[in-house]
Amino acid sequence: MASGVETAVECWIAQIDEALTDLHLTSLGRLNAVTQILANYKRLTGKEHLQRRTRSGQCSMVSEAVRSTGNWPLTTDH
């Protein structure tokens, strides 16, 4: 079962990566593509409302990255 979960997660991450690196899309197009991938995930899993992480648990990568720099950290190792 863990292998199936890993395969599914890798598939969604690959779709997101493809959307974010598609040079034919504008910034808004990339955002829309990722939004569509997320909507598809929610539809397929029945998770219309994703549970957010709390401060007492694991912190959100996005919140922590933005809080520390004021911007989302971009890597340049592509």
PDB file of N, CA and C in Angstrom:
ATOM      1  N   MET A   1       0.821  -1.192   0.000  1.00  0.00           N
ATOM      2  CA  MET A   1       0.000   0.000   0.000  1.00  0.00           C
ATOM      3  C   MET A   1       0.868   1.259   0.000  1.00  0.00           C
ATOM      4  N   ALA A   2       1.948   1.240   0.775  1.00  0.00           N
ATOM      5  CA  ALA A   2       2.838   2.403   0.838  1.00  0.00           C
ATOM      6  C   ALA A   2       3.408   2.716  -0.535  1.00  0.00           C
ATOM      7  N   SER A   3       3.687   1.686  -1.302  1.00  0.00           N
ATOM      8  CA  SER A   3       4.216   1.892  -2.650  1.00  0.00           C
ATOM      9  C   SER A   3       3.197   2.604  -3.531  1.00  0.00           C
ATOM     10  N   GLY A   4       1.929   2.248  -3.381  1.00  0.00           N
ATOM     11  CA  GLY A   4       0.873   2.902  -4.152  1.00  0.00           C
ATOM     12  C   GLY A   4       0.719   4.362  -3.780  1.00  0.00           C
ATOM     13  N   VAL A   5       0.826   4.651  -2.483  1.00  0.00           N
ATOM     14  CA  VAL A   5       0.741   6.039  -2.014  1.00  0.00           C
ATOM     15  C   VAL A   5       1.917   6.832  -2.564  1.00  0.00           C
ATOM     16  N   GLU A   6       3.113   6.250  -2.479  1.00  0.00           N
ATOM     17  CA  GLU A   6       4.309   6.926  -2.989  1.00  0.00           C
ATOM     18  C   GLU A   6       4.182   7.203  -4.487  1.00  0.00           C
ATOM     19  N   THR A   7       3.665   6.250  -5.234  1.00  0.00           N
ATOM     20  CA  THR A   7       3.479   6.425  -6.674  1.00  0.00           C
ATOM     21  C   THR A   7       2.488   7.546  -6.963  1.00  0.00           C
ATOM     22  N   ALA A   8       1.393   7.583  -6.214  1.00  0.00           N
ATOM     23  CA  ALA A   8       0.385   8.629  -6.416  1.00  0.00           C
ATOM     24  C   ALA A   8       0.944  10.004  -6.088  1.00  0.00           C
ATOM     25  N   VAL A   9       1.652  10.115  -4.962  1.00  0.00           N
ATOM     26  CA  VAL A   9       2.236  11.404  -4.571  1.00  0.00           C
ATOM     27  C   VAL A   9       3.248  11.848  -5.615  1.00  0.00           C
ATOM     28  N   GLU A  10       4.085  10.930  -6.073  1.00  0.00           N
ATOM     29  CA  GLU A  10       5.078  11.269  -7.094  1.00  0.00           C
ATOM     30  C   GLU A  10       4.406  11.744  -8.379  1.00  0.00           C
ATOM     31  N   CYS A  11       3.290  11.131  -8.733  1.00  0.00           N
ATOM     32  CA  CYS A  11       2.547  11.545  -9.928  1.00  0.00           C
ATOM     33  C   CYS A  11       2.054  12.977  -9.784  1.00  0.00           C
ATOM     34  N   TRP A  12       1.451  13.310  -8.639  1.00  0.00           N
ATOM     35  CA  TRP A  12       0.942  14.670  -8.435  1.00  0.00           C
ATOM     36  C   TRP A  12       2.079  15.687  -8.383  1.00  0.00           C
ATOM     37  N   ILE A  13       3.179  15.327  -7.729  1.00  0.00           N
ATOM     38  CA  ILE A  13       4.326  16.235  -7.660  1.00  0.00           C
ATOM     39  C   ILE A  13       4.897  16.452  -9.059  1.00  0.00           C
ATOM     40  N   ALA A  14       4.957  15.410  -9.865  1.00  0.00           N
ATOM     41  CA  ALA A  14       5.452  15.541 -11.237  1.00  0.00           C
ATOM     42  C   ALA A  14       4.539  16.452 -12.053  1.00  0.00           C
ATOM     43  N   GLN A  15       3.225  16.328 -11.860  1.00  0.00           N
ATOM     44  CA  GLN A  15       2.292  17.207 -12.570  1.00  0.00           C
ATOM     45  C   GLN A  15       2.494  18.661 -12.154  1.00  0.00           C
ATOM     46  N   ILE A  16       2.681  18.894 -10.861  1.00  0.00           N
ATOM     47  CA  ILE A  16       2.906  20.255 -10.368  1.00  0.00           C
ATOM     48  C   ILE A  16       4.217  20.795 -10.913  1.00  0.00           C
ATOM     49  N   ASP A  17       5.261  19.976 -10.889  1.00  0.00           N
ATOM     50  CA  ASP A  17       6.563  20.391 -11.414  1.00  0.00           C
ATOM     51  C   ASP A  17       6.458  20.754 -12.889  1.00  0.00           C
ATOM     52  N   GLU A  18       5.749  19.938 -13.650  1.00  0.00           N
ATOM     53  CA  GLU A  18       5.570  20.211 -15.078  1.00  0.00           C
ATOM     54  C   GLU A  18       4.827  21.528 -15.291  1.00  0.00           C
ATOM     55  N   ALA A  19       3.791  21.764 -14.506  1.00  0.00           N
ATOM     56  CA  ALA A  19       3.020  23.005 -14.632  1.00  0.00           C
ATOM     57  C   ALA A  19       3.878  24.217 -14.298  1.00  0.00           C
ATOM     58  N   LEU A  20       4.700  24.102 -13.262  1.00  0.00           N
ATOM     59  CA  LEU A  20       5.506  25.240 -12.821  1.00  0.00           C
ATOM     60  C   LEU A  20       6.692  25.527 -13.727  1.00  0.00           C
ATOM     61  N   THR A  21       7.119  24.546 -14.502  1.00  0.00           N
ATOM     62  CA  THR A  21       8.283  24.744 -15.364  1.00  0.00           C
ATOM     63  C   THR A  21       7.924  24.864 -16.839  1.00  0.00           C
ATOM     64  N   ASP A  22       6.635  24.872 -17.159  1.00  0.00           N
ATOM     65  CA  ASP A  22       6.189  25.001 -18.552  1.00  0.00           C
ATOM     66  C   ASP A  22       6.415  26.430 -19.029  1.00  0.00           C
ATOM     67  N   LEU A  23       7.386  26.613 -19.903  1.00  0.00           N
ATOM     68  CA  LEU A  23       7.734  27.946 -20.394  1.00  0.00           C
ATOM     69  C   LEU A  23       6.683  28.527 -21.330  1.00  0.00           C
ATOM     70  N   HIS A  24       5.736  27.703 -21.773  1.00  0.00           N
ATOM     71  CA  HIS A  24       4.668  28.191 -22.645  1.00  0.00           C
ATOM     72  C   HIS A  24       3.548  28.861 -21.855  1.00  0.00           C
ATOM     73  N   LEU A  25       3.562  28.703 -20.537  1.00  0.00           N
ATOM     74  CA  LEU A  25       2.524  29.291 -19.692  1.00  0.00           C
ATOM     75  C   LEU A  25       3.010  30.591 -19.070  1.00  0.00           C
ATOM     76  N   THR A  26       2.094  31.507 -18.881  1.00  0.00           N
ATOM     77  CA  THR A  26       2.396  32.728 -18.133  1.00  0.00           C
ATOM     78  C   THR A  26       2.406  32.371 -16.645  1.00  0.00           C
ATOM     79  N   SER A  27       2.784  33.314 -15.814  1.00  0.00           N
ATOM     80  CA  SER A  27       2.745  33.071 -14.366  1.00  0.00           C
ATOM     81  C   SER A  27       1.331  32.713 -13.925  1.00  0.00           C
ATOM     82  N   LEU A  28       0.344  33.441 -14.446  1.00  0.00           N
ATOM     83  CA  LEU A  28      -1.047  33.144 -14.110  1.00  0.00           C
ATOM     84  C   LEU A  28      -1.444  31.771 -14.644  1.00  0.00           C
ATOM     85  N   GLY A  29      -0.972  31.422 -15.824  1.00  0.00           N
ATOM     86  CA  GLY A  29      -1.250  30.108 -16.390  1.00  0.00           C
ATOM     87  C   GLY A  29      -0.686  28.992 -15.536  1.00  0.00           C
ATOM     88  N   ARG A  30       0.519  29.202 -14.996  1.00  0.00           N
ATOM     89  CA  ARG A  30       1.126  28.205 -14.112  1.00  0.00           C
ATOM     90  C   ARG A  30       0.310  28.054 -12.834  1.00  0.00           C
ATOM     91  N   LEU A  31      -0.096  29.190 -12.272  1.00  0.00           N
ATOM     92  CA  LEU A  31      -0.918  29.146 -11.058  1.00  0.00           C
ATOM     93  C   LEU A  31      -2.234  28.425 -11.330  1.00  0.00           C
ATOM     94  N   ASN A  32      -2.853  28.717 -12.461  1.00  0.00           N
ATOM     95  CA  ASN A  32      -4.110  28.049 -12.820  1.00  0.00           C
ATOM     96  C   ASN A  32      -3.905  26.550 -13.017  1.00  0.00           C
ATOM     97  N   ALA A  33      -2.784  26.167 -13.619  1.00  0.00           N
ATOM     98  CA  ALA A  33      -2.505  24.749 -13.836  1.00  0.00           C
ATOM     99  C   ALA A  33      -2.353  24.018 -12.504  1.00  0.00           C
ATOM    100  N   VAL A  34      -1.632  24.616 -11.560  1.00  0.00           N
ATOM    101  CA  VAL A  34      -1.463  23.996 -10.244  1.00  0.00           C
ATOM    102  C   VAL A  34      -2.800  23.937  -9.512  1.00  0.00           C
ATOM    103  N   THR A  35      -3.609  24.984  -9.657  1.00  0.00           N
ATOM    104  CA  THR A  35      -4.938  24.998  -9.042  1.00  0.00           C
ATOM    105  C   THR A  35      -5.789  23.856  -9.591  1.00  0.00           C
ATOM    106  N   GLN A  36      -5.691  23.595 -10.889  1.00  0.00           N
ATOM    107  CA  GLN A  36      -6.441  22.495 -11.500  1.00  0.00           C
ATOM    108  C   GLN A  36      -5.955  21.139 -10.992  1.00  0.00           C
ATOM    109  N   ILE A  37      -4.641  20.998 -10.822  1.00  0.00           N
ATOM    110  CA  ILE A  37      -4.090  19.745 -10.293  1.00  0.00           C
ATOM    111  C   ILE A  37      -4.601  19.514  -8.875  1.00  0.00           C
ATOM    112  N   LEU A  38      -4.600  20.561  -8.062  1.00  0.00           N
ATOM    113  CA  LEU A  38      -5.102  20.457  -6.690  1.00  0.00           C
ATOM    114  C   LEU A  38      -6.591  20.104  -6.674  1.00  0.00           C
ATOM    115  N   ALA A  39      -7.364  20.743  -7.547  1.00  0.00           N
ATOM    116  CA  ALA A  39      -8.799  20.443  -7.626  1.00  0.00           C
ATOM    117  C   ALA A  39      -9.023  18.990  -8.036  1.00  0.00           C
ATOM    118  N   ASN A  40      -8.212  18.489  -8.960  1.00  0.00           N
ATOM    119  CA  ASN A  40      -8.323  17.100  -9.393  1.00  0.00           C
ATOM    120  C   ASN A  40      -7.984  16.155  -8.238  1.00  0.00           C
ATOM    121  N   TYR A  41      -6.939  16.476  -7.485  1.00  0.00           N
ATOM    122  CA  TYR A  41      -6.574  15.678  -6.305  1.00  0.00           C
ATOM    123  C   TYR A  41      -7.742  15.620  -5.321  1.00  0.00           C
ATOM    124  N   LYS A  42      -8.320  16.786  -5.029  1.00  0.00           N
ATOM    125  CA  LYS A  42      -9.432  16.844  -4.079  1.00  0.00           C
ATOM    126  C   LYS A  42     -10.618  16.024  -4.574  1.00  0.00           C
ATOM    127  N   ARG A  43     -10.900  16.109  -5.869  1.00  0.00           N
ATOM    128  CA  ARG A  43     -12.022  15.367  -6.439  1.00  0.00           C
ATOM    129  C   ARG A  43     -11.779  13.863  -6.356  1.00  0.00           C
ATOM    130  N   LEU A  44     -10.571  13.433  -6.719  1.00  0.00           N
ATOM    131  CA  LEU A  44     -10.262  12.003  -6.736  1.00  0.00           C
ATOM    132  C   LEU A  44     -10.196  11.390  -5.341  1.00  0.00           C
ATOM    133  N   THR A  45      -9.776  12.174  -4.361  1.00  0.00           N
ATOM    134  CA  THR A  45      -9.625  11.645  -3.004  1.00  0.00           C
ATOM    135  C   THR A  45     -10.827  11.927  -2.116  1.00  0.00           C
ATOM    136  N   GLY A  46     -11.732  12.788  -2.585  1.00  0.00           N
ATOM    137  CA  GLY A  46     -12.880  13.157  -1.772  1.00  0.00           C
ATOM    138  C   GLY A  46     -12.530  14.115  -0.649  1.00  0.00           C
ATOM    139  N   LYS A  47     -11.372  14.749  -0.746  1.00  0.00           N
ATOM    140  CA  LYS A  47     -10.921  15.687   0.289  1.00  0.00           C
ATOM    141  C   LYS A  47     -11.126  17.116  -0.194  1.00  0.00           C
ATOM    142  N   GLU A  48     -12.362  17.563  -0.122  1.00  0.00           N
ATOM    143  CA  GLU A  48     -12.677  18.921  -0.575  1.00  0.00           C
ATOM    144  C   GLU A  48     -12.028  19.985   0.296  1.00  0.00           C
ATOM    145  N   HIS A  49     -11.846  19.675   1.580  1.00  0.00           N
ATOM    146  CA  HIS A  49     -11.227  20.628   2.509  1.00  0.00           C
ATOM    147  C   HIS A  49      -9.990  19.973   3.103  1.00  0.00           C
ATOM    148  N   LEU A  50      -8.827  20.459   2.724  1.00  0.00           N
ATOM    149  CA  LEU A  50      -7.591  19.910   3.261  1.00  0.00           C
ATOM    150  C   LEU A  50      -7.336  20.495   4.641  1.00  0.00           C
ATOM    151  N   GLN A  51      -6.903  19.653   5.553  1.00  0.00           N
ATOM    152  CA  GLN A  51      -6.632  20.111   6.914  1.00  0.00           C
ATOM    153  C   GLN A  51      -5.287  20.825   6.944  1.00  0.00           C
ATOM    154  N   ARG A  52      -5.301  22.041   7.472  1.00  0.00           N
ATOM    155  CA  ARG A  52      -4.064  22.819   7.572  1.00  0.00           C
ATOM    156  C   ARG A  52      -3.267  22.354   8.775  1.00  0.00           C
ATOM    157  N   ARG A  53      -1.967  22.496   8.662  1.00  0.00           N
ATOM    158  CA  ARG A  53      -1.093  22.155   9.783  1.00  0.00           C
ATOM    159  C   ARG A  53      -1.166  23.266  10.815  1.00  0.00           C
ATOM    160  N   THR A  54      -1.019  22.895  12.068  1.00  0.00           N
ATOM    161  CA  THR A  54      -1.079  23.881  13.145  1.00  0.00           C
ATOM    162  C   THR A  54       0.327  24.213  13.622  1.00  0.00           C
ATOM    163  N   ARG A  55       0.438  25.313  14.344  1.00  0.00           N
ATOM    164  CA  ARG A  55       1.738  25.730  14.873  1.00  0.00           C
ATOM    165  C   ARG A  55       2.283  24.703  15.858  1.00  0.00           C
ATOM    166  N   SER A  56       1.411  24.006  16.578  1.00  0.00           N
ATOM    167  CA  SER A  56       1.879  23.021  17.555  1.00  0.00           C
ATOM    168  C   SER A  56       2.404  21.762  16.876  1.00  0.00           C
ATOM    169  N   GLY A  57       1.959  21.534  15.645  1.00  0.00           N
ATOM    170  CA  GLY A  57       2.443  20.389  14.884  1.00  0.00           C
ATOM    171  C   GLY A  57       3.547  20.832  13.945  1.00  0.00           C
ATOM    172  N   GLN A  58       3.630  20.175  12.829  1.00  0.00           N
ATOM    173  CA  GLN A  58       4.626  20.571  11.843  1.00  0.00           C
ATOM    174  C   GLN A  58       4.199  21.891  11.223  1.00  0.00           C
ATOM    175  N   CYS A  59       5.155  22.764  11.000  1.00  0.00           N
ATOM    176  CA  CYS A  59       4.861  24.076  10.419  1.00  0.00           C
ATOM    177  C   CYS A  59       4.768  23.973   8.907  1.00  0.00           C
ATOM    178  N   SER A  60       4.027  24.871   8.348  1.00  0.00           N
ATOM    179  CA  SER A  60       3.902  24.936   6.904  1.00  0.00           C
ATOM    180  C   SER A  60       5.201  25.437   6.299  1.00  0.00           C
ATOM    181  N   MET A  61       5.704  24.741   5.297  1.00  0.00           N
ATOM    182  CA  MET A  61       6.919  25.181   4.610  1.00  0.00           C
ATOM    183  C   MET A  61       6.732  26.555   4.005  1.00  0.00           C
ATOM    184  N   VAL A  62       5.590  26.784   3.401  1.00  0.00           N
ATOM    185  CA  VAL A  62       5.340  28.056   2.738  1.00  0.00           C
ATOM    186  C   VAL A  62       5.323  29.186   3.750  1.00  0.00           C
ATOM    187  N   SER A  63       4.568  29.026   4.828  1.00  0.00           N
ATOM    188  CA  SER A  63       4.481  30.077   5.840  1.00  0.00           C
ATOM    189  C   SER A  63       5.842  30.391   6.431  1.00  0.00           C
ATOM    190  N   GLU A  64       6.606  29.364   6.756  1.00  0.00           N
ATOM    191  CA  GLU A  64       7.923  29.574   7.348  1.00  0.00           C
ATOM    192  C   GLU A  64       8.868  30.245   6.362  1.00  0.00           C
ATOM    193  N   ALA A  65       8.860  29.822   5.098  1.00  0.00           N
ATOM    194  CA  ALA A  65       9.761  30.396   4.100  1.00  0.00           C
ATOM    195  C   ALA A  65       9.432  31.852   3.844  1.00  0.00           C
ATOM    196  N   VAL A  66       8.166  32.164   3.721  1.00  0.00           N
ATOM    197  CA  VAL A  66       7.751  33.542   3.461  1.00  0.00           C
ATOM    198  C   VAL A  66       8.020  34.410   4.679  1.00  0.00           C
ATOM    199  N   ARG A  67       7.746  33.884   5.851  1.00  0.00           N
ATOM    200  CA  ARG A  67       7.954  34.655   7.077  1.00  0.00           C
ATOM    201  C   ARG A  67       9.427  35.016   7.245  1.00  0.00           C
ATOM    202  N   SER A  68      10.338  34.106   6.917  1.00  0.00           N
ATOM    203  CA  SER A  68      11.756  34.348   7.154  1.00  0.00           C
ATOM    204  C   SER A  68      12.372  35.289   6.129  1.00  0.00           C
ATOM    205  N   THR A  69      11.844  35.322   4.913  1.00  0.00           N
ATOM    206  CA  THR A  69      12.457  36.142   3.863  1.00  0.00           C
ATOM    207  C   THR A  69      11.533  37.210   3.313  1.00  0.00           C
ATOM    208  N   GLY A  70      10.242  37.079   3.549  1.00  0.00           N
ATOM    209  CA  GLY A  70       9.276  37.981   2.938  1.00  0.00           C
ATOM    210  C   GLY A  70       8.908  37.543   1.532  1.00  0.00           C
ATOM    211  N   ASN A  71       9.592  36.543   1.015  1.00  0.00           N
ATOM    212  CA  ASN A  71       9.353  36.010  -0.328  1.00  0.00           C
ATOM    213  C   ASN A  71       9.478  34.499  -0.286  1.00  0.00           C
ATOM    214  N   TRP A  72       8.922  33.863  -1.304  1.00  0.00           N
ATOM    215  CA  TRP A  72       9.111  32.429  -1.448  1.00  0.00           C
ATOM    216  C   TRP A  72      10.519  32.215  -1.974  1.00  0.00           C
ATOM    217  N   PRO A  73      11.344  31.377  -1.306  1.00  0.00           N
ATOM    218  CA  PRO A  73      12.721  31.171  -1.763  1.00  0.00           C
ATOM    219  C   PRO A  73      12.751  30.391  -3.067  1.00  0.00           C
ATOM    220  N   LEU A  74      13.417  30.926  -4.039  1.00  0.00           N
ATOM    221  CA  LEU A  74      13.530  30.267  -5.334  1.00  0.00           C
ATOM    222  C   LEU A  74      14.908  29.642  -5.459  1.00  0.00           C
ATOM    223  N   THR A  75      14.940  28.400  -5.911  1.00  0.00           N
ATOM    224  CA  THR A  75      16.230  27.766  -6.148  1.00  0.00           C
ATOM    225  C   THR A  75      16.624  28.004  -7.589  1.00  0.00           C
ATOM    226  N   THR A  76      17.896  28.015  -7.840  1.00  0.00           N
ATOM    227  CA  THR A  76      18.386  28.251  -9.204  1.00  0.00           C
ATOM    228  C   THR A  76      19.202  27.078  -9.697  1.00  0.00           C
ATOM    229  N   ASP A  77      18.942  25.900  -9.155  1.00  0.00           N
ATOM    230  CA  ASP A  77      19.728  24.728  -9.531  1.00  0.00           C
ATOM    231  C   ASP A  77      19.107  23.923 -10.663  1.00  0.00           C
ATOM    232  N   HIS A  78      18.257  24.531 -11.486  1.00  0.00           N
ATOM    233  CA  HIS A  78      17.637  23.827 -12.625  1.00  0.00           C
ATOM    234  C   HIS A  78      18.603  23.817 -13.767  1.00  0.00           C
TER     235      HIS A  78
END
